[in-house]
PDB file of N, CA and C in Angstrom:
ATOM      1  N   UNK A   1       0.992  -1.225   0.112  1.00  0.00           N
ATOM      2  CA  UNK A   1      -0.239  -0.053   0.191  1.00  0.00           C
ATOM      3  C   UNK A   1       0.945   1.027  -0.105  1.00  0.00           C
ATOM      4  N   UNK A   2       0.638   2.027  -0.970  1.00  0.00           N
ATOM      5  CA  UNK A   2       1.646   3.289  -0.731  1.00  0.00           C
ATOM      6  C   UNK A   2       1.067   4.357   0.328  1.00  0.00           C
ATOM      7  N   UNK A   3       2.591   4.990   0.874  1.00  0.00           N
ATOM      8  CA  UNK A   3       2.431   6.020   1.861  1.00  0.00           C
ATOM      9  C   UNK A   3       1.349   7.016   1.731  1.00  0.00           C
ATOM     10  N   UNK A   4       1.207   7.314   2.796  1.00  0.00           N
ATOM     11  CA  UNK A   4       0.134   8.940   2.600  1.00  0.00           C
ATOM     12  C   UNK A   4       1.310   9.907   2.303  1.00  0.00           C
ATOM     13  N   UNK A   5       1.008  10.755   1.290  1.00  0.00           N
ATOM     14  CA  UNK A   5       2.170  11.700   0.617  1.00  0.00           C
ATOM     15  C   UNK A   5       2.048  12.760   2.181  1.00  0.00           C
ATOM     16  N   UNK A   6       2.945  13.831   2.002  1.00  0.00           N
ATOM     17  CA  UNK A   6       2.896  14.898   2.709  1.00  0.00           C
ATOM     18  C   UNK A   6       2.164  16.118   2.222  1.00  0.00           C
ATOM     19  N   UNK A   7       1.234  16.560   2.654  1.00  0.00           N
ATOM     20  CA  UNK A   7       0.221  17.976   2.394  1.00  0.00           C
ATOM     21  C   UNK A   7       0.119  18.718   3.298  1.00  0.00           C
ATOM     22  N   UNK A   8       0.261  19.922   2.636  1.00  0.00           N
ATOM     23  CA  UNK A   8       0.016  21.283   3.404  1.00  0.00           C
ATOM     24  C   UNK A   8      -1.395  21.551   3.419  1.00  0.00           C
ATOM     25  N   UNK A   9      -1.799  22.336   4.451  1.00  0.00           N
ATOM     26  CA  UNK A   9      -3.285  22.656   5.053  1.00  0.00           C
ATOM     27  C   UNK A   9      -3.863  23.351   3.864  1.00  0.00           C
ATOM     28  N   UNK A  10      -3.554  23.907   2.588  1.00  0.00           N
ATOM     29  CA  UNK A  10      -3.964  24.057   1.879  1.00  0.00           C
ATOM     30  C   UNK A  10      -4.627  23.349   1.072  1.00  0.00           C
ATOM     31  N   UNK A  11      -3.689  22.137   0.564  1.00  0.00           N
ATOM     32  CA  UNK A  11      -3.946  21.025  -0.053  1.00  0.00           C
ATOM     33  C   UNK A  11      -5.061  19.980   0.736  1.00  0.00           C
ATOM     34  N   UNK A  12      -5.022  19.842   1.996  1.00  0.00           N
ATOM     35  CA  UNK A  12      -6.016  19.049   2.498  1.00  0.00           C
ATOM     36  C   UNK A  12      -7.066  19.730   2.848  1.00  0.00           C
ATOM     37  N   UNK A  13      -7.152  21.388   2.513  1.00  0.00           N
ATOM     38  CA  UNK A  13      -8.811  22.092   2.659  1.00  0.00           C
ATOM     39  C   UNK A  13      -9.345  21.682   1.451  1.00  0.00           C
ATOM     40  N   UNK A  14      -8.335  21.891   0.205  1.00  0.00           N
ATOM     41  CA  UNK A  14      -9.176  22.047  -1.426  1.00  0.00           C
ATOM     42  C   UNK A  14      -9.752  20.327  -1.495  1.00  0.00           C
ATOM     43  N   UNK A  15      -8.865  19.216  -0.607  1.00  0.00           N
ATOM     44  CA  UNK A  15      -9.260  17.744  -1.242  1.00  0.00           C
ATOM     45  C   UNK A  15     -10.941  18.042  -0.704  1.00  0.00           C
ATOM     46  N   UNK A  16     -11.227  18.558   0.858  1.00  0.00           N
ATOM     47  CA  UNK A  16     -12.112  18.576   1.626  1.00  0.00           C
ATOM     48  C   UNK A  16     -12.983  19.840   0.939  1.00  0.00           C
ATOM     49  N   UNK A  17     -12.811  20.384   0.429  1.00  0.00           N
ATOM     50  CA  UNK A  17     -13.967  21.371  -0.152  1.00  0.00           C
ATOM     51  C   UNK A  17     -14.422  20.804  -1.662  1.00  0.00           C
ATOM     52  N   UNK A  18     -13.908  19.700  -2.219  1.00  0.00           N
ATOM     53  CA  UNK A  18     -14.052  19.009  -3.373  1.00  0.00           C
ATOM     54  C   UNK A  18     -14.986  18.097  -2.811  1.00  0.00           C
ATOM     55  N   UNK A  19     -15.240  17.540  -1.664  1.00  0.00           N
ATOM     56  CA  UNK A  19     -16.045  16.744  -1.353  1.00  0.00           C
ATOM     57  C   UNK A  19     -17.193  17.588  -0.176  1.00  0.00           C
ATOM     58  N   UNK A  20     -17.445  18.702  -0.324  1.00  0.00           N
ATOM     59  CA  UNK A  20     -18.753  19.431   0.152  1.00  0.00           C
ATOM     60  C   UNK A  20     -17.936  19.997   1.787  1.00  0.00           C
ATOM     61  N   UNK A  21     -17.380  20.120   2.081  1.00  0.00           N
ATOM     62  CA  UNK A  21     -16.588  20.546   3.426  1.00  0.00           C
ATOM     63  C   UNK A  21     -16.305  22.430   2.795  1.00  0.00           C
ATOM     64  N   UNK A  22     -16.874  23.144   3.867  1.00  0.00           N
ATOM     65  CA  UNK A  22     -16.471  24.573   3.834  1.00  0.00           C
ATOM     66  C   UNK A  22     -15.984  25.143   5.136  1.00  0.00           C
ATOM     67  N   UNK A  23     -15.026  26.150   4.768  1.00  0.00           N
ATOM     68  CA  UNK A  23     -14.358  26.951   5.763  1.00  0.00           C
ATOM     69  C   UNK A  23     -15.126  27.359   6.595  1.00  0.00           C
ATOM     70  N   UNK A  24     -15.515  26.846   7.947  1.00  0.00           N
ATOM     71  CA  UNK A  24     -16.639  27.178   9.272  1.00  0.00           C
ATOM     72  C   UNK A  24     -15.824  28.297   9.820  1.00  0.00           C
ATOM     73  N   UNK A  25     -14.583  28.348  10.129  1.00  0.00           N
ATOM     74  CA  UNK A  25     -13.906  29.299  10.948  1.00  0.00           C
ATOM     75  C   UNK A  25     -12.503  29.175  10.991  1.00  0.00           C
ATOM     76  N   UNK A  26     -11.618  30.199  11.706  1.00  0.00           N
ATOM     77  CA  UNK A  26     -10.287  29.658  11.897  1.00  0.00           C
ATOM     78  C   UNK A  26     -10.194  30.338  13.370  1.00  0.00           C
ATOM     79  N   UNK A  27      -9.295  28.987  14.196  1.00  0.00           N
ATOM     80  CA  UNK A  27      -9.450  29.325  15.574  1.00  0.00           C
ATOM     81  C   UNK A  27      -8.078  29.198  15.977  1.00  0.00           C
ATOM     82  N   UNK A  28      -7.146  30.169  15.835  1.00  0.00           N
ATOM     83  CA  UNK A  28      -5.672  30.076  16.111  1.00  0.00           C
ATOM     84  C   UNK A  28      -5.239  29.839  14.895  1.00  0.00           C
ATOM     85  N   UNK A  29      -4.241  28.576  14.982  1.00  0.00           N
ATOM     86  CA  UNK A  29      -3.439  27.865  13.864  1.00  0.00           C
ATOM     87  C   UNK A  29      -4.178  26.852  13.264  1.00  0.00           C
ATOM     88  N   UNK A  30      -5.625  26.501  13.560  1.00  0.00           N
ATOM     89  CA  UNK A  30      -6.323  25.742  12.929  1.00  0.00           C
ATOM     90  C   UNK A  30      -7.734  26.132  11.984  1.00  0.00           C
ATOM     91  N   UNK A  31      -7.873  25.558  10.915  1.00  0.00           N
ATOM     92  CA  UNK A  31      -8.832  26.163  10.008  1.00  0.00           C
ATOM     93  C   UNK A  31      -9.897  25.060  10.445  1.00  0.00           C
ATOM     94  N   UNK A  32     -10.933  25.418  10.866  1.00  0.00           N
ATOM     95  CA  UNK A  32     -12.163  24.367  11.050  1.00  0.00           C
ATOM     96  C   UNK A  32     -13.085  24.123   9.701  1.00  0.00           C
ATOM     97  N   UNK A  33     -13.037  23.062   9.178  1.00  0.00           N
ATOM     98  CA  UNK A  33     -13.957  22.423   8.404  1.00  0.00           C
ATOM     99  C   UNK A  33     -15.184  21.716   8.598  1.00  0.00           C
ATOM    100  N   UNK A  34     -16.368  22.123   8.059  1.00  0.00           N
ATOM    101  CA  UNK A  34     -17.915  21.792   8.071  1.00  0.00           C
ATOM    102  C   UNK A  34     -18.178  20.939   7.056  1.00  0.00           C
ATOM    103  N   UNK A  35     -18.978  20.146   7.102  1.00  0.00           N
ATOM    104  CA  UNK A  35     -19.808  19.401   6.190  1.00  0.00           C
ATOM    105  C   UNK A  35     -21.038  19.160   6.958  1.00  0.00           C
ATOM    106  N   UNK A  36     -22.515  19.545   5.980  1.00  0.00           N
ATOM    107  CA  UNK A  36     -23.645  19.514   6.525  1.00  0.00           C
ATOM    108  C   UNK A  36     -24.099  18.569   5.826  1.00  0.00           C
ATOM    109  N   UNK A  37     -24.693  17.512   6.666  1.00  0.00           N
ATOM    110  CA  UNK A  37     -25.575  16.164   6.139  1.00  0.00           C
ATOM    111  C   UNK A  37     -26.762  16.131   6.701  1.00  0.00           C
ATOM    112  N   UNK A  38     -27.917  15.646   6.167  1.00  0.00           N
ATOM    113  CA  UNK A  38     -29.276  15.787   6.400  1.00  0.00           C
ATOM    114  C   UNK A  38     -29.071  15.489   8.056  1.00  0.00           C
ATOM    115  N   UNK A  39     -28.743  14.225   8.447  1.00  0.00           N
ATOM    116  CA  UNK A  39     -29.055  14.160  10.103  1.00  0.00           C
ATOM    117  C   UNK A  39     -27.806  14.329  10.993  1.00  0.00           C
ATOM    118  N   UNK A  40     -26.965  14.964  10.253  1.00  0.00           N
ATOM    119  CA  UNK A  40     -25.799  15.399  11.139  1.00  0.00           C
ATOM    120  C   UNK A  40     -24.662  16.344  10.414  1.00  0.00           C
ATOM    121  N   UNK A  41     -23.882  17.119  10.941  1.00  0.00           N
ATOM    122  CA  UNK A  41     -22.702  17.240  10.548  1.00  0.00           C
ATOM    123  C   UNK A  41     -21.163  16.977  10.713  1.00  0.00           C
ATOM    124  N   UNK A  42     -20.181  17.292  10.125  1.00  0.00           N
ATOM    125  CA  UNK A  42     -18.963  16.566  10.212  1.00  0.00           C
ATOM    126  C   UNK A  42     -18.054  18.046  10.764  1.00  0.00           C
ATOM    127  N   UNK A  43     -17.453  18.040  11.735  1.00  0.00           N
ATOM    128  CA  UNK A  43     -16.500  18.733  11.543  1.00  0.00           C
ATOM    129  C   UNK A  43     -15.089  18.588  11.547  1.00  0.00           C
ATOM    130  N   UNK A  44     -14.165  18.918  10.889  1.00  0.00           N
ATOM    131  CA  UNK A  44     -12.891  18.300  10.976  1.00  0.00           C
ATOM    132  C   UNK A  44     -11.878  19.810  11.009  1.00  0.00           C
ATOM    133  N   UNK A  45     -11.022  19.716  11.972  1.00  0.00           N
ATOM    134  CA  UNK A  45      -9.922  20.725  12.217  1.00  0.00           C
ATOM    135  C   UNK A  45      -8.876  20.322  11.552  1.00  0.00           C
ATOM    136  N   UNK A  46      -8.156  21.093  10.653  1.00  0.00           N
ATOM    137  CA  UNK A  46      -7.090  20.957   9.753  1.00  0.00           C
ATOM    138  C   UNK A  46      -6.124  21.857  10.518  1.00  0.00           C
ATOM    139  N   UNK A  47      -4.955  21.567  10.817  1.00  0.00           N
ATOM    140  CA  UNK A  47      -3.717  22.515  11.445  1.00  0.00           C
ATOM    141  C   UNK A  47      -3.147  23.242  10.337  1.00  0.00           C
ATOM    142  N   UNK A  48      -3.154  24.904  10.060  1.00  0.00           N
ATOM    143  CA  UNK A  48      -2.614  25.342   9.074  1.00  0.00           C
ATOM    144  C   UNK A  48      -0.958  25.585   8.902  1.00  0.00           C
ATOM    145  N   UNK A  49      -0.510  24.569   8.693  1.00  0.00           N
ATOM    146  CA  UNK A  49       0.793  24.224   8.293  1.00  0.00           C
ATOM    147  C   UNK A  49       1.421  23.735   7.008  1.00  0.00           C
ATOM    148  N   UNK A  50       2.420  24.294   7.008  1.00  0.00           N
ATOM    149  CA  UNK A  50       2.962  24.037   5.492  1.00  0.00           C
ATOM    150  C   UNK A  50       2.971  22.163   5.090  1.00  0.00           C
ATOM    151  N   UNK A  51       3.336  21.632   6.445  1.00  0.00           N
ATOM    152  CA  UNK A  51       3.472  20.100   6.093  1.00  0.00           C
ATOM    153  C   UNK A  51       2.942  19.792   7.159  1.00  0.00           C
ATOM    154  N   UNK A  52       1.706  18.663   6.953  1.00  0.00           N
ATOM    155  CA  UNK A  52       0.826  18.157   8.049  1.00  0.00           C
ATOM    156  C   UNK A  52       1.804  16.644   8.237  1.00  0.00           C
ATOM    157  N   UNK A  53       1.615  16.296   9.408  1.00  0.00           N
ATOM    158  CA  UNK A  53       2.096  15.160  10.210  1.00  0.00           C
ATOM    159  C   UNK A  53       1.315  14.119   9.575  1.00  0.00           C
ATOM    160  N   UNK A  54       1.957  12.915   9.091  1.00  0.00           N
ATOM    161  CA  UNK A  54       1.108  11.801   8.455  1.00  0.00           C
ATOM    162  C   UNK A  54      -0.117  11.330   9.409  1.00  0.00           C
ATOM    163  N   UNK A  55       0.460  11.153  10.931  1.00  0.00           N
ATOM    164  CA  UNK A  55      -0.379  10.904  11.877  1.00  0.00           C
ATOM    165  C   UNK A  55      -1.663  11.743  11.925  1.00  0.00           C
ATOM    166  N   UNK A  56      -1.273  13.158  12.249  1.00  0.00           N
ATOM    167  CA  UNK A  56      -2.452  14.003  11.990  1.00  0.00           C
ATOM    168  C   UNK A  56      -3.441  13.887  10.407  1.00  0.00           C
ATOM    169  N   UNK A  57      -2.582  13.654   9.711  1.00  0.00           N
ATOM    170  CA  UNK A  57      -3.585  13.572   8.337  1.00  0.00           C
ATOM    171  C   UNK A  57      -4.571  12.444   8.190  1.00  0.00           C
ATOM    172  N   UNK A  58      -3.914  10.998   8.924  1.00  0.00           N
ATOM    173  CA  UNK A  58      -4.655  10.095   9.268  1.00  0.00           C
ATOM    174  C   UNK A  58      -5.812  10.024  10.003  1.00  0.00           C
ATOM    175  N   UNK A  59      -5.741  11.069  10.992  1.00  0.00           N
ATOM    176  CA  UNK A  59      -6.676  11.646  12.000  1.00  0.00           C
ATOM    177  C   UNK A  59      -7.822  12.285  11.302  1.00  0.00           C
ATOM    178  N   UNK A  60      -7.458  13.245  10.274  1.00  0.00           N
ATOM    179  CA  UNK A  60      -8.402  14.039   9.451  1.00  0.00           C
ATOM    180  C   UNK A  60      -9.277  13.038   8.710  1.00  0.00           C
ATOM    181  N   UNK A  61      -8.578  12.030   7.875  1.00  0.00           N
ATOM    182  CA  UNK A  61      -9.047  11.209   7.078  1.00  0.00           C
ATOM    183  C   UNK A  61      -9.988  10.562   7.672  1.00  0.00           C
ATOM    184  N   UNK A  62      -9.699   9.780   9.072  1.00  0.00           N
ATOM    185  CA  UNK A  62     -11.264   9.276  10.076  1.00  0.00           C
ATOM    186  C   UNK A  62     -12.261  10.062  10.212  1.00  0.00           C
ATOM    187  N   UNK A  63     -11.890  11.487  10.521  1.00  0.00           N
ATOM    188  CA  UNK A  63     -12.608  12.231  10.906  1.00  0.00           C
ATOM    189  C   UNK A  63     -13.844  12.586   9.733  1.00  0.00           C
ATOM    190  N   UNK A  64     -13.401  13.132   8.628  1.00  0.00           N
ATOM    191  CA  UNK A  64     -13.784  13.114   7.436  1.00  0.00           C
ATOM    192  C   UNK A  64     -14.942  12.317   6.862  1.00  0.00           C
ATOM    193  N   UNK A  65     -14.214  11.160   7.027  1.00  0.00           N
ATOM    194  CA  UNK A  65     -15.187   9.934   6.938  1.00  0.00           C
ATOM    195  C   UNK A  65     -15.138   9.732   5.065  1.00  0.00           C
ATOM    196  N   UNK A  66     -13.914  10.233   4.731  1.00  0.00           N
ATOM    197  CA  UNK A  66     -13.741  10.231   3.287  1.00  0.00           C
ATOM    198  C   UNK A  66     -12.675   8.948   2.943  1.00  0.00           C
ATOM    199  N   UNK A  67     -12.668   8.373   1.604  1.00  0.00           N
ATOM    200  CA  UNK A  67     -11.940   7.525   1.509  1.00  0.00           C
ATOM    201  C   UNK A  67     -10.500   7.856   1.273  1.00  0.00           C
ATOM    202  N   UNK A  68      -9.367   7.027   2.044  1.00  0.00           N
ATOM    203  CA  UNK A  68      -8.210   7.256   1.911  1.00  0.00           C
ATOM    204  C   UNK A  68      -7.706   7.564   0.502  1.00  0.00           C
ATOM    205  N   UNK A  69      -7.975   6.929  -0.356  1.00  0.00           N
ATOM    206  CA  UNK A  69      -7.688   7.015  -1.707  1.00  0.00           C
ATOM    207  C   UNK A  69      -7.300   8.522  -2.213  1.00  0.00           C
ATOM    208  N   UNK A  70      -8.216   9.445  -1.686  1.00  0.00           N
ATOM    209  CA  UNK A  70      -8.096  10.560  -2.148  1.00  0.00           C
ATOM    210  C   UNK A  70      -7.108  11.394  -1.261  1.00  0.00           C
ATOM    211  N   UNK A  71      -6.315  11.197  -0.525  1.00  0.00           N
ATOM    212  CA  UNK A  71      -5.085  11.810  -0.154  1.00  0.00           C
ATOM    213  C   UNK A  71      -3.940  10.980  -0.325  1.00  0.00           C
ATOM    214  N   UNK A  72      -3.828   9.830  -1.126  1.00  0.00           N
ATOM    215  CA  UNK A  72      -2.681   9.448  -1.416  1.00  0.00           C
ATOM    216  C   UNK A  72      -2.068  10.167  -2.838  1.00  0.00           C
ATOM    217  N   UNK A  73      -0.454   9.577  -2.885  1.00  0.00           N
ATOM    218  CA  UNK A  73      -0.125  10.304  -4.044  1.00  0.00           C
ATOM    219  C   UNK A  73       0.178   9.535  -4.788  1.00  0.00           C
TER     220      UNK A  73
END
């Protein structure tokens, strides 16, 4: 299985935007992305860094409920 590539906050936010997430707000160094569903909403904090650590990226993928393949290189 290929490794997750190192992504910046802008790249992660763009991937999330393609799947219906919008920038809700920014709290300090974290961008809060939100996706409204019929029965609930999904909120994902994205650290505003030039390189997001792989472990943090895995957490973002789990929280966003998107396929891991969207973030692969």
